[in-house]
Each structure stands twice: as structure tokens, then as C-alpha cells.
Amino acid sequence: IHFTQACAYRFSNTAMQAPLGIRTIAIEAVYDTSREVIPHEL
């Protein structure tokens, strides 16, 4: 059981990686074209 859990944990970690060469990312402010007053900064 311990070996199976450890393997599954390592597998899930290696699967979740950023695309090659991408180390930093910028998040642009929300572009809002809806017609509702929503606190999209959240």
C-alpha cells in the first residue's frame, strides 16, 4: 500500500508541470465585456 501510494504521488507531481521554457507568467487585468457590475478584480 505504501509503495502504491508513493508511486501515485510521484506520478501526479511529474504530470503537473509548466510548458517547457516557461518559468514566469504575468496575469493581465480582467477584460470585462459583460453588462453586469461584478467585482472582477477578485
All heavy atoms as atom14 arrays in JSON, in Angstrom:
{
  "sequence": "IHFTQACAYRFSNTAMQAPLGIRTIAIEAVYDTSREVIPHEL",
  "atom14_mask": [
    [1, 1, 1, 1, 1, 1, 1, 1, 0, 0, 0, 0, 0, 0],
    [1, 1, 1, 1, 1, 1, 1, 1, 1, 1, 0, 0, 0, 0],
    [1, 1, 1, 1, 1, 1, 1, 1, 1, 1, 1, 0, 0, 0],
    [1, 1, 1, 1, 1, 1, 1, 0, 0, 0, 0, 0, 0, 0],
    [1, 1, 1, 1, 1, 1, 1, 1, 1, 0, 0, 0, 0, 0],
    [1, 1, 1, 1, 1, 0, 0, 0, 0, 0, 0, 0, 0, 0],
    [1, 1, 1, 1, 1, 1, 0, 0, 0, 0, 0, 0, 0, 0],
    [1, 1, 1, 1, 1, 0, 0, 0, 0, 0, 0, 0, 0, 0],
    [1, 1, 1, 1, 1, 1, 1, 1, 1, 1, 1, 1, 0, 0],
    [1, 1, 1, 1, 1, 1, 1, 1, 1, 1, 1, 0, 0, 0],
    [1, 1, 1, 1, 1, 1, 1, 1, 1, 1, 1, 0, 0, 0],
    [1, 1, 1, 1, 1, 1, 0, 0, 0, 0, 0, 0, 0, 0],
    [1, 1, 1, 1, 1, 1, 1, 1, 0, 0, 0, 0, 0, 0],
    [1, 1, 1, 1, 1, 1, 1, 0, 0, 0, 0, 0, 0, 0],
    [1, 1, 1, 1, 1, 0, 0, 0, 0, 0, 0, 0, 0, 0],
    [1, 1, 1, 1, 1, 1, 1, 1, 0, 0, 0, 0, 0, 0],
    [1, 1, 1, 1, 1, 1, 1, 1, 1, 0, 0, 0, 0, 0],
    [1, 1, 1, 1, 1, 0, 0, 0, 0, 0, 0, 0, 0, 0],
    [1, 1, 1, 1, 1, 1, 1, 0, 0, 0, 0, 0, 0, 0],
    [1, 1, 1, 1, 1, 1, 1, 1, 0, 0, 0, 0, 0, 0],
    [1, 1, 1, 1, 0, 0, 0, 0, 0, 0, 0, 0, 0, 0],
    [1, 1, 1, 1, 1, 1, 1, 1, 0, 0, 0, 0, 0, 0],
    [1, 1, 1, 1, 1, 1, 1, 1, 1, 1, 1, 0, 0, 0],
    [1, 1, 1, 1, 1, 1, 1, 0, 0, 0, 0, 0, 0, 0],
    [1, 1, 1, 1, 1, 1, 1, 1, 0, 0, 0, 0, 0, 0],
    [1, 1, 1, 1, 1, 0, 0, 0, 0, 0, 0, 0, 0, 0],
    [1, 1, 1, 1, 1, 1, 1, 1, 0, 0, 0, 0, 0, 0],
    [1, 1, 1, 1, 1, 1, 1, 1, 1, 0, 0, 0, 0, 0],
    [1, 1, 1, 1, 1, 0, 0, 0, 0, 0, 0, 0, 0, 0],
    [1, 1, 1, 1, 1, 1, 1, 0, 0, 0, 0, 0, 0, 0],
    [1, 1, 1, 1, 1, 1, 1, 1, 1, 1, 1, 1, 0, 0],
    [1, 1, 1, 1, 1, 1, 1, 1, 0, 0, 0, 0, 0, 0],
    [1, 1, 1, 1, 1, 1, 1, 0, 0, 0, 0, 0, 0, 0],
    [1, 1, 1, 1, 1, 1, 0, 0, 0, 0, 0, 0, 0, 0],
    [1, 1, 1, 1, 1, 1, 1, 1, 1, 1, 1, 0, 0, 0],
    [1, 1, 1, 1, 1, 1, 1, 1, 1, 0, 0, 0, 0, 0],
    [1, 1, 1, 1, 1, 1, 1, 0, 0, 0, 0, 0, 0, 0],
    [1, 1, 1, 1, 1, 1, 1, 1, 0, 0, 0, 0, 0, 0],
    [1, 1, 1, 1, 1, 1, 1, 0, 0, 0, 0, 0, 0, 0],
    [1, 1, 1, 1, 1, 1, 1, 1, 1, 1, 0, 0, 0, 0],
    [1, 1, 1, 1, 1, 1, 1, 1, 1, 0, 0, 0, 0, 0],
    [1, 1, 1, 1, 1, 1, 1, 1, 0, 0, 0, 0, 0, 0]
  ],
  "atom14_positions": [
    [[0.84, -1.21, 0.0], [0.0, 0.0, 0.0], [0.86, 1.24, 0.0], [0.62, 2.2, -0.73], [-0.94, -0.01, 1.22], [-1.96, -1.15, 1.08], [-1.65, 1.32, 1.38], [-2.84, -1.33, 2.3], [0.0, 0.0, 0.0], [0.0, 0.0, 0.0], [0.0, 0.0, 0.0], [0.0, 0.0, 0.0], [0.0, 0.0, 0.0], [0.0, 0.0, 0.0]],
    [[1.9, 1.24, 0.82], [2.79, 2.4, 0.9], [3.49, 2.64, -0.44], [3.59, 3.77, -0.92], [3.84, 2.18, 1.99], [4.87, 3.26, 2.06], [4.59, 4.5, 2.59], [6.17, 3.3, 1.64], [5.67, 5.26, 2.51], [6.64, 4.55, 1.94], [0.0, 0.0, 0.0], [0.0, 0.0, 0.0], [0.0, 0.0, 0.0], [0.0, 0.0, 0.0]],
    [[3.92, 1.56, -1.09], [4.61, 1.7, -2.37], [3.67, 2.23, -3.44], [4.03, 3.11, -4.24], [5.18, 0.34, -2.78], [5.89, 0.36, -4.11], [7.17, 0.87, -4.22], [5.26, -0.12, -5.25], [7.82, 0.91, -5.43], [5.9, -0.08, -6.47], [7.19, 0.43, -6.57], [0.0, 0.0, 0.0], [0.0, 0.0, 0.0], [0.0, 0.0, 0.0]],
    [[2.43, 1.74, -3.43], [1.44, 2.2, -4.42], [1.12, 3.66, -4.24], [1.05, 4.44, -5.2], [0.16, 1.36, -4.31], [0.48, -0.01, -4.48], [-0.85, 1.78, -5.35], [0.0, 0.0, 0.0], [0.0, 0.0, 0.0], [0.0, 0.0, 0.0], [0.0, 0.0, 0.0], [0.0, 0.0, 0.0], [0.0, 0.0, 0.0], [0.0, 0.0, 0.0]],
    [[0.91, 4.07, -2.99], [0.6, 5.48, -2.73], [1.76, 6.37, -3.11], [1.58, 7.44, -3.68], [0.25, 5.65, -1.25], [-1.07, 5.03, -0.86], [-1.35, 5.16, 0.62], [-0.43, 5.36, 1.41], [-2.61, 5.03, 0.99], [0.0, 0.0, 0.0], [0.0, 0.0, 0.0], [0.0, 0.0, 0.0], [0.0, 0.0, 0.0], [0.0, 0.0, 0.0]],
    [[2.98, 5.93, -2.8], [4.15, 6.74, -3.13], [4.3, 6.9, -4.63], [4.59, 7.98, -5.13], [5.4, 6.1, -2.52], [0.0, 0.0, 0.0], [0.0, 0.0, 0.0], [0.0, 0.0, 0.0], [0.0, 0.0, 0.0], [0.0, 0.0, 0.0], [0.0, 0.0, 0.0], [0.0, 0.0, 0.0], [0.0, 0.0, 0.0], [0.0, 0.0, 0.0]],
    [[4.07, 5.8, -5.37], [4.17, 5.89, -6.83], [3.12, 6.83, -7.39], [3.41, 7.63, -8.27], [4.0, 4.5, -7.45], [5.42, 3.41, -7.2], [0.0, 0.0, 0.0], [0.0, 0.0, 0.0], [0.0, 0.0, 0.0], [0.0, 0.0, 0.0], [0.0, 0.0, 0.0], [0.0, 0.0, 0.0], [0.0, 0.0, 0.0], [0.0, 0.0, 0.0]],
    [[1.89, 6.75, -6.88], [0.82, 7.61, -7.38], [1.14, 9.07, -7.09], [0.9, 9.94, -7.91], [-0.5, 7.21, -6.74], [0.0, 0.0, 0.0], [0.0, 0.0, 0.0], [0.0, 0.0, 0.0], [0.0, 0.0, 0.0], [0.0, 0.0, 0.0], [0.0, 0.0, 0.0], [0.0, 0.0, 0.0], [0.0, 0.0, 0.0], [0.0, 0.0, 0.0]],
    [[1.71, 9.33, -5.95], [2.04, 10.71, -5.58], [3.11, 11.28, -6.49], [3.01, 12.39, -6.98], [2.5, 10.74, -4.11], [2.86, 12.12, -3.62], [1.86, 13.02, -3.26], [4.18, 12.51, -3.52], [2.18, 14.29, -2.82], [4.52, 13.77, -3.07], [3.52, 14.65, -2.73], [3.84, 15.9, -2.29], [0.0, 0.0, 0.0], [0.0, 0.0, 0.0]],
    [[4.14, 10.48, -6.76], [5.2, 10.96, -7.64], [4.68, 11.16, -9.05], [5.04, 12.11, -9.72], [6.36, 9.95, -7.63], [7.21, 9.98, -6.36], [8.53, 9.28, -6.6], [8.33, 7.88, -6.91], [8.32, 6.91, -6.0], [8.47, 7.19, -4.73], [8.15, 5.66, -6.37], [0.0, 0.0, 0.0], [0.0, 0.0, 0.0], [0.0, 0.0, 0.0]],
    [[3.79, 10.27, -9.48], [3.26, 10.38, -10.84], [2.45, 11.67, -11.01], [2.59, 12.36, -12.0], [2.39, 9.17, -11.15], [1.73, 9.23, -12.5], [2.45, 8.93, -13.65], [0.4, 9.6, -12.63], [1.85, 9.0, -14.89], [-0.2, 9.66, -13.86], [0.53, 9.36, -14.99], [0.0, 0.0, 0.0], [0.0, 0.0, 0.0], [0.0, 0.0, 0.0]],
    [[1.59, 11.99, -10.01], [0.77, 13.19, -10.12], [1.62, 14.45, -10.11], [1.3, 15.43, -10.74], [-0.24, 13.23, -8.97], [0.43, 13.31, -7.72], [0.0, 0.0, 0.0], [0.0, 0.0, 0.0], [0.0, 0.0, 0.0], [0.0, 0.0, 0.0], [0.0, 0.0, 0.0], [0.0, 0.0, 0.0], [0.0, 0.0, 0.0], [0.0, 0.0, 0.0]],
    [[2.73, 14.41, -9.38], [3.61, 15.59, -9.33], [4.31, 15.81, -10.66], [4.43, 16.92, -11.15], [4.64, 15.41, -8.22], [4.21, 16.09, -6.94], [3.13, 16.65, -6.89], [5.02, 16.01, -5.92], [0.0, 0.0, 0.0], [0.0, 0.0, 0.0], [0.0, 0.0, 0.0], [0.0, 0.0, 0.0], [0.0, 0.0, 0.0], [0.0, 0.0, 0.0]],
    [[4.82, 14.74, -11.27], [5.54, 14.9, -12.52], [4.6, 15.3, -13.65], [5.01, 15.92, -14.62], [6.26, 13.6, -12.89], [5.29, 12.53, -12.91], [7.34, 13.26, -11.87], [0.0, 0.0, 0.0], [0.0, 0.0, 0.0], [0.0, 0.0, 0.0], [0.0, 0.0, 0.0], [0.0, 0.0, 0.0], [0.0, 0.0, 0.0], [0.0, 0.0, 0.0]],
    [[3.31, 14.94, -13.53], [2.35, 15.28, -14.59], [2.01, 16.76, -14.59], [1.7, 17.32, -15.62], [1.09, 14.45, -14.44], [0.0, 0.0, 0.0], [0.0, 0.0, 0.0], [0.0, 0.0, 0.0], [0.0, 0.0, 0.0], [0.0, 0.0, 0.0], [0.0, 0.0, 0.0], [0.0, 0.0, 0.0], [0.0, 0.0, 0.0], [0.0, 0.0, 0.0]],
    [[2.05, 17.4, -13.41], [1.64, 18.79, -13.3], [2.86, 19.7, -13.44], [3.47, 20.12, -12.45], [0.94, 19.03, -11.97], [-0.29, 18.16, -11.76], [-1.53, 18.4, -13.04], [-2.08, 20.03, -12.65], [0.0, 0.0, 0.0], [0.0, 0.0, 0.0], [0.0, 0.0, 0.0], [0.0, 0.0, 0.0], [0.0, 0.0, 0.0], [0.0, 0.0, 0.0]],
    [[3.25, 20.0, -14.67], [4.4, 20.85, -14.94], [4.03, 21.92, -15.95], [3.16, 21.73, -16.79], [5.58, 20.02, -15.47], [6.15, 19.02, -14.48], [7.32, 18.27, -15.04], [7.82, 18.6, -16.11], [7.76, 17.23, -14.34], [0.0, 0.0, 0.0], [0.0, 0.0, 0.0], [0.0, 0.0, 0.0], [0.0, 0.0, 0.0], [0.0, 0.0, 0.0]],
    [[4.74, 23.04, -15.86], [4.53, 24.12, -16.81], [5.13, 23.75, -18.16], [6.02, 22.9, -18.25], [5.17, 25.4, -16.29], [0.0, 0.0, 0.0], [0.0, 0.0, 0.0], [0.0, 0.0, 0.0], [0.0, 0.0, 0.0], [0.0, 0.0, 0.0], [0.0, 0.0, 0.0], [0.0, 0.0, 0.0], [0.0, 0.0, 0.0], [0.0, 0.0, 0.0]],
    [[4.66, 24.34, -19.26], [5.28, 24.1, -20.56], [6.77, 24.42, -20.55], [7.22, 25.3, -19.81], [4.51, 25.05, -21.49], [3.19, 25.21, -20.83], [3.47, 25.19, -19.36], [0.0, 0.0, 0.0], [0.0, 0.0, 0.0], [0.0, 0.0, 0.0], [0.0, 0.0, 0.0], [0.0, 0.0, 0.0], [0.0, 0.0, 0.0], [0.0, 0.0, 0.0]],
    [[7.52, 23.71, -21.35], [8.97, 23.85, -21.38], [9.38, 25.29, -21.71], [8.85, 25.9, -22.65], [9.54, 22.9, -22.44], [11.05, 22.69, -22.42], [11.48, 22.02, -21.12], [11.48, 21.86, -23.63], [0.0, 0.0, 0.0], [0.0, 0.0, 0.0], [0.0, 0.0, 0.0], [0.0, 0.0, 0.0], [0.0, 0.0, 0.0], [0.0, 0.0, 0.0]],
    [[10.3, 25.83, -20.94], [10.8, 27.17, -21.18], [10.0, 28.27, -20.51], [10.37, 29.44, -20.57], [0.0, 0.0, 0.0], [0.0, 0.0, 0.0], [0.0, 0.0, 0.0], [0.0, 0.0, 0.0], [0.0, 0.0, 0.0], [0.0, 0.0, 0.0], [0.0, 0.0, 0.0], [0.0, 0.0, 0.0], [0.0, 0.0, 0.0], [0.0, 0.0, 0.0]],
    [[8.88, 27.93, -19.87], [8.04, 28.92, -19.19], [8.33, 28.85, -17.69], [8.01, 27.87, -17.03], [6.54, 28.66, -19.46], [6.25, 28.62, -20.96], [5.69, 29.71, -18.77], [6.6, 29.91, -21.68], [0.0, 0.0, 0.0], [0.0, 0.0, 0.0], [0.0, 0.0, 0.0], [0.0, 0.0, 0.0], [0.0, 0.0, 0.0], [0.0, 0.0, 0.0]],
    [[8.94, 29.9, -17.19], [9.29, 29.95, -15.76], [8.56, 31.09, -15.04], [8.38, 31.04, -13.84], [10.8, 30.12, -15.58], [11.61, 28.95, -16.13], [13.11, 29.16, -15.94], [13.87, 28.03, -16.43], [14.27, 27.88, -17.69], [13.94, 28.82, -18.58], [14.95, 26.83, -18.07], [0.0, 0.0, 0.0], [0.0, 0.0, 0.0], [0.0, 0.0, 0.0]],
    [[8.17, 32.12, -15.78], [7.46, 33.25, -15.18], [6.21, 33.54, -16.0], [6.18, 33.32, -17.22], [8.34, 34.51, -15.15], [8.78, 34.81, -16.49], [9.56, 34.3, -14.26], [0.0, 0.0, 0.0], [0.0, 0.0, 0.0], [0.0, 0.0, 0.0], [0.0, 0.0, 0.0], [0.0, 0.0, 0.0], [0.0, 0.0, 0.0], [0.0, 0.0, 0.0]],
    [[5.19, 34.03, -15.33], [3.92, 34.32, -16.01], [3.34, 35.62, -15.46], [3.45, 35.92, -14.27], [2.92, 33.16, -15.84], [1.68, 33.37, -16.72], [2.53, 32.97, -14.37], [0.79, 32.15, -16.82], [0.0, 0.0, 0.0], [0.0, 0.0, 0.0], [0.0, 0.0, 0.0], [0.0, 0.0, 0.0], [0.0, 0.0, 0.0], [0.0, 0.0, 0.0]],
    [[2.75, 36.4, -16.35], [2.04, 37.62, -15.97], [0.55, 37.4, -16.17], [0.13, 36.74, -17.13], [2.52, 38.8, -16.81], [0.0, 0.0, 0.0], [0.0, 0.0, 0.0], [0.0, 0.0, 0.0], [0.0, 0.0, 0.0], [0.0, 0.0, 0.0], [0.0, 0.0, 0.0], [0.0, 0.0, 0.0], [0.0, 0.0, 0.0], [0.0, 0.0, 0.0]],
    [[-0.26, 37.95, -15.28], [-1.71, 37.82, -15.35], [-2.28, 39.19, -15.68], [-2.21, 40.11, -14.87], [-2.32, 37.31, -14.04], [-1.51, 36.15, -13.46], [-3.78, 36.92, -14.25], [-1.44, 34.94, -14.34], [0.0, 0.0, 0.0], [0.0, 0.0, 0.0], [0.0, 0.0, 0.0], [0.0, 0.0, 0.0], [0.0, 0.0, 0.0], [0.0, 0.0, 0.0]],
    [[-2.8, 39.33, -16.89], [-3.36, 40.62, -17.31], [-4.67, 40.89, -16.59], [-5.41, 39.98, -16.24], [-3.58, 40.61, -18.82], [-3.83, 41.98, -19.42], [-3.82, 41.94, -20.94], [-4.73, 41.29, -21.51], [-2.91, 42.53, -21.55], [0.0, 0.0, 0.0], [0.0, 0.0, 0.0], [0.0, 0.0, 0.0], [0.0, 0.0, 0.0], [0.0, 0.0, 0.0]],
    [[-4.96, 42.16, -16.33], [-6.21, 42.54, -15.68], [-7.4, 42.02, -16.49], [-7.34, 41.91, -17.73], [-6.29, 44.06, -15.54], [0.0, 0.0, 0.0], [0.0, 0.0, 0.0], [0.0, 0.0, 0.0], [0.0, 0.0, 0.0], [0.0, 0.0, 0.0], [0.0, 0.0, 0.0], [0.0, 0.0, 0.0], [0.0, 0.0, 0.0], [0.0, 0.0, 0.0]],
    [[-8.47, 41.71, -15.8], [-9.65, 41.11, -16.44], [-10.24, 42.07, -17.47], [-10.48, 43.25, -17.19], [-10.71, 40.75, -15.38], [-11.96, 40.2, -16.05], [-10.14, 39.73, -14.4], [0.0, 0.0, 0.0], [0.0, 0.0, 0.0], [0.0, 0.0, 0.0], [0.0, 0.0, 0.0], [0.0, 0.0, 0.0], [0.0, 0.0, 0.0], [0.0, 0.0, 0.0]],
    [[-10.46, 41.53, -18.68], [-11.13, 42.28, -19.74], [-12.61, 41.95, -19.66], [-13.04, 40.84, -19.97], [-10.54, 41.89, -21.1], [-11.19, 42.55, -22.28], [-11.34, 43.93, -22.35], [-11.65, 41.79, -23.36], [-11.93, 44.54, -23.44], [-12.24, 42.38, -24.47], [-12.38, 43.76, -24.5], [-12.97, 44.36, -25.59], [0.0, 0.0, 0.0], [0.0, 0.0, 0.0]],
    [[-13.41, 42.91, -19.2], [-14.82, 42.67, -18.89], [-15.71, 43.28, -19.97], [-15.78, 44.49, -20.14], [-15.14, 43.29, -17.53], [-16.54, 42.94, -17.04], [-17.3, 42.31, -17.8], [-16.87, 43.3, -15.89], [0.0, 0.0, 0.0], [0.0, 0.0, 0.0], [0.0, 0.0, 0.0], [0.0, 0.0, 0.0], [0.0, 0.0, 0.0], [0.0, 0.0, 0.0]],
    [[-16.4, 42.41, -20.71], [-17.37, 42.87, -21.71], [-18.79, 42.49, -21.32], [-19.7, 42.58, -22.14], [-17.04, 42.29, -23.1], [-17.04, 40.86, -23.03], [-15.69, 42.78, -23.6], [0.0, 0.0, 0.0], [0.0, 0.0, 0.0], [0.0, 0.0, 0.0], [0.0, 0.0, 0.0], [0.0, 0.0, 0.0], [0.0, 0.0, 0.0], [0.0, 0.0, 0.0]],
    [[-18.96, 42.04, -20.09], [-20.31, 41.72, -19.61], [-21.05, 43.01, -19.27], [-20.45, 44.08, -19.19], [-20.24, 40.84, -18.36], [-19.72, 41.57, -17.26], [0.0, 0.0, 0.0], [0.0, 0.0, 0.0], [0.0, 0.0, 0.0], [0.0, 0.0, 0.0], [0.0, 0.0, 0.0], [0.0, 0.0, 0.0], [0.0, 0.0, 0.0], [0.0, 0.0, 0.0]],
    [[-22.34, 42.9, -19.06], [-23.15, 44.07, -18.75], [-23.57, 44.12, -17.3], [-24.49, 44.87, -16.94], [-24.38, 44.09, -19.67], [-24.02, 44.23, -21.14], [-25.27, 44.42, -22.0], [-24.92, 44.62, -23.4], [-25.8, 44.87, -24.36], [-27.09, 44.96, -24.06], [-25.41, 45.03, -25.62], [0.0, 0.0, 0.0], [0.0, 0.0, 0.0], [0.0, 0.0, 0.0]],
    [[-22.92, 43.34, -16.46], [-23.22, 43.33, -15.04], [-22.08, 44.01, -14.27], [-20.91, 43.93, -14.67], [-23.38, 41.9, -14.53], [-24.62, 41.2, -15.03], [-25.89, 41.67, -14.33], [-25.77, 42.43, -13.35], [-26.98, 41.26, -14.75], [0.0, 0.0, 0.0], [0.0, 0.0, 0.0], [0.0, 0.0, 0.0], [0.0, 0.0, 0.0], [0.0, 0.0, 0.0]],
    [[-22.43, 44.65, -13.18], [-21.43, 45.25, -12.31], [-20.93, 44.16, -11.37], [-21.57, 43.85, -10.36], [-22.0, 46.44, -11.52], [-20.93, 47.06, -10.63], [-22.57, 47.48, -12.47], [0.0, 0.0, 0.0], [0.0, 0.0, 0.0], [0.0, 0.0, 0.0], [0.0, 0.0, 0.0], [0.0, 0.0, 0.0], [0.0, 0.0, 0.0], [0.0, 0.0, 0.0]],
    [[-19.81, 43.57, -11.72], [-19.24, 42.45, -10.98], [-17.85, 42.86, -10.47], [-17.06, 43.45, -11.23], [-19.1, 41.2, -11.89], [-20.48, 40.69, -12.31], [-18.32, 40.1, -11.19], [-21.28, 40.07, -11.19], [0.0, 0.0, 0.0], [0.0, 0.0, 0.0], [0.0, 0.0, 0.0], [0.0, 0.0, 0.0], [0.0, 0.0, 0.0], [0.0, 0.0, 0.0]],
    [[-17.51, 42.55, -9.22], [-16.15, 42.84, -8.73], [-15.13, 41.86, -9.32], [-14.62, 40.97, -8.65], [-16.29, 42.68, -7.21], [-17.41, 41.72, -7.03], [-18.37, 41.98, -8.16], [0.0, 0.0, 0.0], [0.0, 0.0, 0.0], [0.0, 0.0, 0.0], [0.0, 0.0, 0.0], [0.0, 0.0, 0.0], [0.0, 0.0, 0.0], [0.0, 0.0, 0.0]],
    [[-14.84, 42.04, -10.63], [-13.98, 41.08, -11.32], [-12.53, 41.12, -10.87], [-11.75, 40.23, -11.22], [-14.06, 41.31, -12.84], [-13.76, 42.71, -13.26], [-14.71, 43.53, -13.81], [-12.62, 43.45, -13.2], [-14.17, 44.7, -14.09], [-12.92, 44.68, -13.71], [0.0, 0.0, 0.0], [0.0, 0.0, 0.0], [0.0, 0.0, 0.0], [0.0, 0.0, 0.0]],
    [[-12.15, 42.14, -10.08], [-10.79, 42.16, -9.56], [-10.55, 40.99, -8.61], [-9.4, 40.57, -8.4], [-10.52, 43.49, -8.85], [-11.28, 43.7, -7.54], [-12.69, 44.24, -7.75], [-13.09, 44.4, -8.91], [-13.36, 44.5, -6.73], [0.0, 0.0, 0.0], [0.0, 0.0, 0.0], [0.0, 0.0, 0.0], [0.0, 0.0, 0.0], [0.0, 0.0, 0.0]],
    [[-11.63, 40.43, -8.06], [-11.49, 39.26, -7.2], [-11.0, 38.05, -7.99], [-10.23, 37.23, -7.48], [-12.84, 38.93, -6.54], [-13.4, 40.0, -5.59], [-14.78, 39.59, -5.1], [-12.47, 40.24, -4.42], [0.0, 0.0, 0.0], [0.0, 0.0, 0.0], [0.0, 0.0, 0.0], [0.0, 0.0, 0.0], [0.0, 0.0, 0.0], [0.0, 0.0, 0.0]]
  ]
}
